[in-house]
Amino acid sequence: MRHTEFWARLEHALGTAYAGSWAEQVVLAEVGGRTVREALDAGVPPKQVWAAVWRHLELPPSQL
């Protein structure tokens, strides 16, 4: 998964206006206790970050 696909999925799940701020505020234990943006900036693969987001938001299996 590329970063562009990750951000498109996050915007689809949360809405364009909210996705960016959510990614900078919510800390996920699964990515080392970092926010989404921190995890991506630290080099955590977008697919791994998306899986953590997917579980945190309890999204349907079709969005994994």
PDB file of N, CA and C in Angstrom:
ATOM      1  N   MET A   1       0.843  -1.174   0.000  1.00  0.00           N
ATOM      2  CA  MET A   1       0.000   0.000   0.000  1.00  0.00           C
ATOM      3  C   MET A   1       0.893   1.243   0.000  1.00  0.00           C
ATOM      4  N   ARG A   2       0.551   2.181  -0.831  1.00  0.00           N
ATOM      5  CA  ARG A   2       1.266   3.455  -0.893  1.00  0.00           C
ATOM      6  C   ARG A   2       0.635   4.447   0.080  1.00  0.00           C
ATOM      7  N   HIS A   3       1.371   5.475   0.386  1.00  0.00           N
ATOM      8  CA  HIS A   3       0.857   6.515   1.277  1.00  0.00           C
ATOM      9  C   HIS A   3      -0.415   7.150   0.713  1.00  0.00           C
ATOM     10  N   THR A   4      -0.464   7.338  -0.595  1.00  0.00           N
ATOM     11  CA  THR A   4      -1.647   7.955  -1.197  1.00  0.00           C
ATOM     12  C   THR A   4      -2.891   7.087  -0.996  1.00  0.00           C
ATOM     13  N   GLU A   5      -2.726   5.779  -1.113  1.00  0.00           N
ATOM     14  CA  GLU A   5      -3.865   4.887  -0.877  1.00  0.00           C
ATOM     15  C   GLU A   5      -4.272   4.918   0.596  1.00  0.00           C
ATOM     16  N   PHE A   6      -3.278   4.950   1.490  1.00  0.00           N
ATOM     17  CA  PHE A   6      -3.582   5.027   2.912  1.00  0.00           C
ATOM     18  C   PHE A   6      -4.437   6.256   3.207  1.00  0.00           C
ATOM     19  N   TRP A   7      -3.994   7.422   2.728  1.00  0.00           N
ATOM     20  CA  TRP A   7      -4.724   8.660   3.018  1.00  0.00           C
ATOM     21  C   TRP A   7      -6.104   8.667   2.369  1.00  0.00           C
ATOM     22  N   ALA A   8      -6.228   8.084   1.195  1.00  0.00           N
ATOM     23  CA  ALA A   8      -7.544   7.992   0.548  1.00  0.00           C
ATOM     24  C   ALA A   8      -8.484   7.131   1.384  1.00  0.00           C
ATOM     25  N   ARG A   9      -7.977   6.027   1.918  1.00  0.00           N
ATOM     26  CA  ARG A   9      -8.806   5.157   2.760  1.00  0.00           C
ATOM     27  C   ARG A   9      -9.210   5.865   4.053  1.00  0.00           C
ATOM     28  N   LEU A  10      -8.255   6.576   4.661  1.00  0.00           N
ATOM     29  CA  LEU A  10      -8.566   7.275   5.909  1.00  0.00           C
ATOM     30  C   LEU A  10      -9.607   8.373   5.666  1.00  0.00           C
ATOM     31  N   GLU A  11      -9.464   9.098   4.570  1.00  0.00           N
ATOM     32  CA  GLU A  11     -10.441  10.132   4.236  1.00  0.00           C
ATOM     33  C   GLU A  11     -11.811   9.533   3.947  1.00  0.00           C
ATOM     34  N   HIS A  12     -11.819   8.375   3.322  1.00  0.00           N
ATOM     35  CA  HIS A  12     -13.100   7.698   3.059  1.00  0.00           C
ATOM     36  C   HIS A  12     -13.761   7.282   4.384  1.00  0.00           C
ATOM     37  N   ALA A  13     -12.961   6.797   5.316  1.00  0.00           N
ATOM     38  CA  ALA A  13     -13.497   6.312   6.591  1.00  0.00           C
ATOM     39  C   ALA A  13     -13.944   7.454   7.501  1.00  0.00           C
ATOM     40  N   LEU A  14     -13.194   8.561   7.501  1.00  0.00           N
ATOM     41  CA  LEU A  14     -13.457   9.627   8.474  1.00  0.00           C
ATOM     42  C   LEU A  14     -13.952  10.933   7.864  1.00  0.00           C
ATOM     43  N   GLY A  15     -13.822  11.057   6.577  1.00  0.00           N
ATOM     44  CA  GLY A  15     -14.168  12.314   5.922  1.00  0.00           C
ATOM     45  C   GLY A  15     -12.913  13.150   5.711  1.00  0.00           C
ATOM     46  N   THR A  16     -12.899  13.889   4.649  1.00  0.00           N
ATOM     47  CA  THR A  16     -11.723  14.668   4.280  1.00  0.00           C
ATOM     48  C   THR A  16     -11.343  15.686   5.344  1.00  0.00           C
ATOM     49  N   ALA A  17     -12.326  16.350   5.902  1.00  0.00           N
ATOM     50  CA  ALA A  17     -12.052  17.410   6.874  1.00  0.00           C
ATOM     51  C   ALA A  17     -11.486  16.881   8.188  1.00  0.00           C
ATOM     52  N   TYR A  18     -11.842  15.675   8.567  1.00  0.00           N
ATOM     53  CA  TYR A  18     -11.476  15.144   9.879  1.00  0.00           C
ATOM     54  C   TYR A  18     -10.245  14.233   9.848  1.00  0.00           C
ATOM     55  N   ALA A  19      -9.965  13.602   8.734  1.00  0.00           N
ATOM     56  CA  ALA A  19      -8.909  12.590   8.659  1.00  0.00           C
ATOM     57  C   ALA A  19      -7.548  13.123   9.089  1.00  0.00           C
ATOM     58  N   GLY A  20      -7.172  14.291   8.628  1.00  0.00           N
ATOM     59  CA  GLY A  20      -5.861  14.842   8.955  1.00  0.00           C
ATOM     60  C   GLY A  20      -5.676  15.128  10.427  1.00  0.00           C
ATOM     61  N   SER A  21      -6.668  15.751  11.030  1.00  0.00           N
ATOM     62  CA  SER A  21      -6.538  16.069  12.456  1.00  0.00           C
ATOM     63  C   SER A  21      -6.596  14.796  13.298  1.00  0.00           C
ATOM     64  N   TRP A  22      -7.420  13.843  12.905  1.00  0.00           N
ATOM     65  CA  TRP A  22      -7.492  12.568  13.622  1.00  0.00           C
ATOM     66  C   TRP A  22      -6.135  11.882  13.585  1.00  0.00           C
ATOM     67  N   ALA A  23      -5.491  11.905  12.424  1.00  0.00           N
ATOM     68  CA  ALA A  23      -4.198  11.250  12.255  1.00  0.00           C
ATOM     69  C   ALA A  23      -3.111  11.895  13.104  1.00  0.00           C
ATOM     70  N   GLU A  24      -3.303  13.139  13.486  1.00  0.00           N
ATOM     71  CA  GLU A  24      -2.310  13.837  14.301  1.00  0.00           C
ATOM     72  C   GLU A  24      -2.621  13.792  15.794  1.00  0.00           C
ATOM     73  N   GLN A  25      -3.799  13.310  16.160  1.00  0.00           N
ATOM     74  CA  GLN A  25      -4.208  13.339  17.567  1.00  0.00           C
ATOM     75  C   GLN A  25      -4.339  11.974  18.221  1.00  0.00           C
ATOM     76  N   VAL A  26      -4.774  10.984  17.472  1.00  0.00           N
ATOM     77  CA  VAL A  26      -5.056   9.671  18.055  1.00  0.00           C
ATOM     78  C   VAL A  26      -3.774   8.843  18.106  1.00  0.00           C
ATOM     79  N   VAL A  27      -3.459   8.339  19.299  1.00  0.00           N
ATOM     80  CA  VAL A  27      -2.271   7.517  19.510  1.00  0.00           C
ATOM     81  C   VAL A  27      -2.689   6.052  19.466  1.00  0.00           C
ATOM     82  N   LEU A  28      -1.958   5.282  18.685  1.00  0.00           N
ATOM     83  CA  LEU A  28      -2.258   3.860  18.529  1.00  0.00           C
ATOM     84  C   LEU A  28      -1.115   3.021  19.097  1.00  0.00           C
ATOM     85  N   ALA A  29      -1.431   2.178  20.064  1.00  0.00           N
ATOM     86  CA  ALA A  29      -0.422   1.320  20.689  1.00  0.00           C
ATOM     87  C   ALA A  29       0.228   0.385  19.674  1.00  0.00           C
ATOM     88  N   GLU A  30      -0.539  -0.055  18.700  1.00  0.00           N
ATOM     89  CA  GLU A  30      -0.042  -1.032  17.720  1.00  0.00           C
ATOM     90  C   GLU A  30       1.087  -0.502  16.842  1.00  0.00           C
ATOM     91  N   VAL A  31       1.243   0.792  16.790  1.00  0.00           N
ATOM     92  CA  VAL A  31       2.329   1.370  15.986  1.00  0.00           C
ATOM     93  C   VAL A  31       3.343   2.074  16.889  1.00  0.00           C
ATOM     94  N   GLY A  32       3.542   1.491  18.046  1.00  0.00           N
ATOM     95  CA  GLY A  32       4.561   1.996  18.951  1.00  0.00           C
ATOM     96  C   GLY A  32       4.135   3.173  19.800  1.00  0.00           C
ATOM     97  N   GLY A  33       2.849   3.307  20.066  1.00  0.00           N
ATOM     98  CA  GLY A  33       2.370   4.417  20.886  1.00  0.00           C
ATOM     99  C   GLY A  33       2.538   5.757  20.189  1.00  0.00           C
ATOM    100  N   ARG A  34       2.392   5.733  18.879  1.00  0.00           N
ATOM    101  CA  ARG A  34       2.526   6.949  18.069  1.00  0.00           C
ATOM    102  C   ARG A  34       1.188   7.315  17.446  1.00  0.00           C
ATOM    103  N   THR A  35       1.112   8.544  16.988  1.00  0.00           N
ATOM    104  CA  THR A  35      -0.038   8.915  16.175  1.00  0.00           C
ATOM    105  C   THR A  35       0.172   8.308  14.785  1.00  0.00           C
ATOM    106  N   VAL A  36      -0.869   8.338  13.992  1.00  0.00           N
ATOM    107  CA  VAL A  36      -0.774   7.830  12.624  1.00  0.00           C
ATOM    108  C   VAL A  36       0.325   8.579  11.866  1.00  0.00           C
ATOM    109  N   ARG A  37       0.304   9.876  11.935  1.00  0.00           N
ATOM    110  CA  ARG A  37       1.299  10.664  11.200  1.00  0.00           C
ATOM    111  C   ARG A  37       2.719  10.374  11.701  1.00  0.00           C
ATOM    112  N   GLU A  38       2.900  10.276  13.013  1.00  0.00           N
ATOM    113  CA  GLU A  38       4.221   9.959  13.570  1.00  0.00           C
ATOM    114  C   GLU A  38       4.699   8.592  13.095  1.00  0.00           C
ATOM    115  N   ALA A  39       3.798   7.624  13.077  1.00  0.00           N
ATOM    116  CA  ALA A  39       4.162   6.274  12.642  1.00  0.00           C
ATOM    117  C   ALA A  39       4.598   6.273  11.179  1.00  0.00           C
ATOM    118  N   LEU A  40       3.834   6.931  10.345  1.00  0.00           N
ATOM    119  CA  LEU A  40       4.193   6.994   8.926  1.00  0.00           C
ATOM    120  C   LEU A  40       5.518   7.732   8.736  1.00  0.00           C
ATOM    121  N   ASP A  41       5.699   8.834   9.445  1.00  0.00           N
ATOM    122  CA  ASP A  41       6.943   9.604   9.341  1.00  0.00           C
ATOM    123  C   ASP A  41       8.147   8.817   9.847  1.00  0.00           C
ATOM    124  N   ALA A  42       7.912   7.899  10.783  1.00  0.00           N
ATOM    125  CA  ALA A  42       8.988   7.074  11.333  1.00  0.00           C
ATOM    126  C   ALA A  42       9.311   5.872  10.447  1.00  0.00           C
ATOM    127  N   GLY A  43       8.545   5.695   9.374  1.00  0.00           N
ATOM    128  CA  GLY A  43       8.817   4.602   8.444  1.00  0.00           C
ATOM    129  C   GLY A  43       8.006   3.349   8.637  1.00  0.00           C
ATOM    130  N   VAL A  44       7.015   3.392   9.514  1.00  0.00           N
ATOM    131  CA  VAL A  44       6.129   2.234   9.654  1.00  0.00           C
ATOM    132  C   VAL A  44       5.363   2.097   8.340  1.00  0.00           C
ATOM    133  N   PRO A  45       5.332   0.909   7.754  1.00  0.00           N
ATOM    134  CA  PRO A  45       4.657   0.736   6.471  1.00  0.00           C
ATOM    135  C   PRO A  45       3.171   1.143   6.540  1.00  0.00           C
ATOM    136  N   PRO A  46       2.700   1.850   5.520  1.00  0.00           N
ATOM    137  CA  PRO A  46       1.295   2.276   5.517  1.00  0.00           C
ATOM    138  C   PRO A  46       0.306   1.131   5.705  1.00  0.00           C
ATOM    139  N   LYS A  47       0.618  -0.033   5.171  1.00  0.00           N
ATOM    140  CA  LYS A  47      -0.281  -1.188   5.326  1.00  0.00           C
ATOM    141  C   LYS A  47      -0.419  -1.575   6.799  1.00  0.00           C
ATOM    142  N   GLN A  48       0.690  -1.532   7.530  1.00  0.00           N
ATOM    143  CA  GLN A  48       0.663  -1.852   8.961  1.00  0.00           C
ATOM    144  C   GLN A  48      -0.113  -0.788   9.737  1.00  0.00           C
ATOM    145  N   VAL A  49       0.100   0.469   9.392  1.00  0.00           N
ATOM    146  CA  VAL A  49      -0.617   1.552  10.063  1.00  0.00           C
ATOM    147  C   VAL A  49      -2.105   1.442   9.752  1.00  0.00           C
ATOM    148  N   TRP A  50      -2.443   1.132   8.495  1.00  0.00           N
ATOM    149  CA  TRP A  50      -3.854   1.013   8.139  1.00  0.00           C
ATOM    150  C   TRP A  50      -4.517  -0.120   8.926  1.00  0.00           C
ATOM    151  N   ALA A  51      -3.837  -1.231   9.091  1.00  0.00           N
ATOM    152  CA  ALA A  51      -4.406  -2.348   9.853  1.00  0.00           C
ATOM    153  C   ALA A  51      -4.710  -1.911  11.290  1.00  0.00           C
ATOM    154  N   ALA A  52      -3.818  -1.122  11.874  1.00  0.00           N
ATOM    155  CA  ALA A  52      -4.047  -0.627  13.239  1.00  0.00           C
ATOM    156  C   ALA A  52      -5.234   0.344  13.265  1.00  0.00           C
ATOM    157  N   VAL A  53      -5.309   1.208  12.281  1.00  0.00           N
ATOM    158  CA  VAL A  53      -6.441   2.152  12.182  1.00  0.00           C
ATOM    159  C   VAL A  53      -7.735   1.375  12.004  1.00  0.00           C
ATOM    160  N   TRP A  54      -7.715   0.394  11.130  1.00  0.00           N
ATOM    161  CA  TRP A  54      -8.896  -0.412  10.833  1.00  0.00           C
ATOM    162  C   TRP A  54      -9.434  -1.073  12.110  1.00  0.00           C
ATOM    163  N   ARG A  55      -8.528  -1.637  12.890  1.00  0.00           N
ATOM    164  CA  ARG A  55      -8.957  -2.267  14.148  1.00  0.00           C
ATOM    165  C   ARG A  55      -9.458  -1.216  15.145  1.00  0.00           C
ATOM    166  N   HIS A  56      -8.761  -0.110  15.258  1.00  0.00           N
ATOM    167  CA  HIS A  56      -9.142   0.940  16.206  1.00  0.00           C
ATOM    168  C   HIS A  56     -10.527   1.505  15.888  1.00  0.00           C
ATOM    169  N   LEU A  57     -10.794   1.720  14.626  1.00  0.00           N
ATOM    170  CA  LEU A  57     -12.085   2.290  14.218  1.00  0.00           C
ATOM    171  C   LEU A  57     -13.181   1.236  14.081  1.00  0.00           C
ATOM    172  N   GLU A  58     -12.785  -0.027  14.200  1.00  0.00           N
ATOM    173  CA  GLU A  58     -13.725  -1.141  14.045  1.00  0.00           C
ATOM    174  C   GLU A  58     -14.468  -1.043  12.715  1.00  0.00           C
ATOM    175  N   LEU A  59     -13.683  -0.879  11.651  1.00  0.00           N
ATOM    176  CA  LEU A  59     -14.242  -0.781  10.313  1.00  0.00           C
ATOM    177  C   LEU A  59     -14.633  -2.167   9.817  1.00  0.00           C
ATOM    178  N   PRO A  60     -15.511  -2.236   8.835  1.00  0.00           N
ATOM    179  CA  PRO A  60     -15.940  -3.543   8.317  1.00  0.00           C
ATOM    180  C   PRO A  60     -14.784  -4.252   7.583  1.00  0.00           C
ATOM    181  N   PRO A  61     -14.844  -5.578   7.544  1.00  0.00           N
ATOM    182  CA  PRO A  61     -13.784  -6.347   6.876  1.00  0.00           C
ATOM    183  C   PRO A  61     -13.544  -5.908   5.425  1.00  0.00           C
ATOM    184  N   SER A  62     -14.546  -5.412   4.765  1.00  0.00           N
ATOM    185  CA  SER A  62     -14.390  -4.987   3.378  1.00  0.00           C
ATOM    186  C   SER A  62     -13.426  -3.805   3.232  1.00  0.00           C
ATOM    187  N   GLN A  63     -13.153  -3.106   4.326  1.00  0.00           N
ATOM    188  CA  GLN A  63     -12.259  -1.945   4.256  1.00  0.00           C
ATOM    189  C   GLN A  63     -10.828  -2.258   4.675  1.00  0.00           C
ATOM    190  N   LEU A  64     -10.560  -3.523   4.985  1.00  0.00           N
ATOM    191  CA  LEU A  64      -9.189  -3.901   5.368  1.00  0.00           C
ATOM    192  C   LEU A  64      -8.385  -4.011   4.106  1.00  0.00           C
TER     193      LEU A  64
END
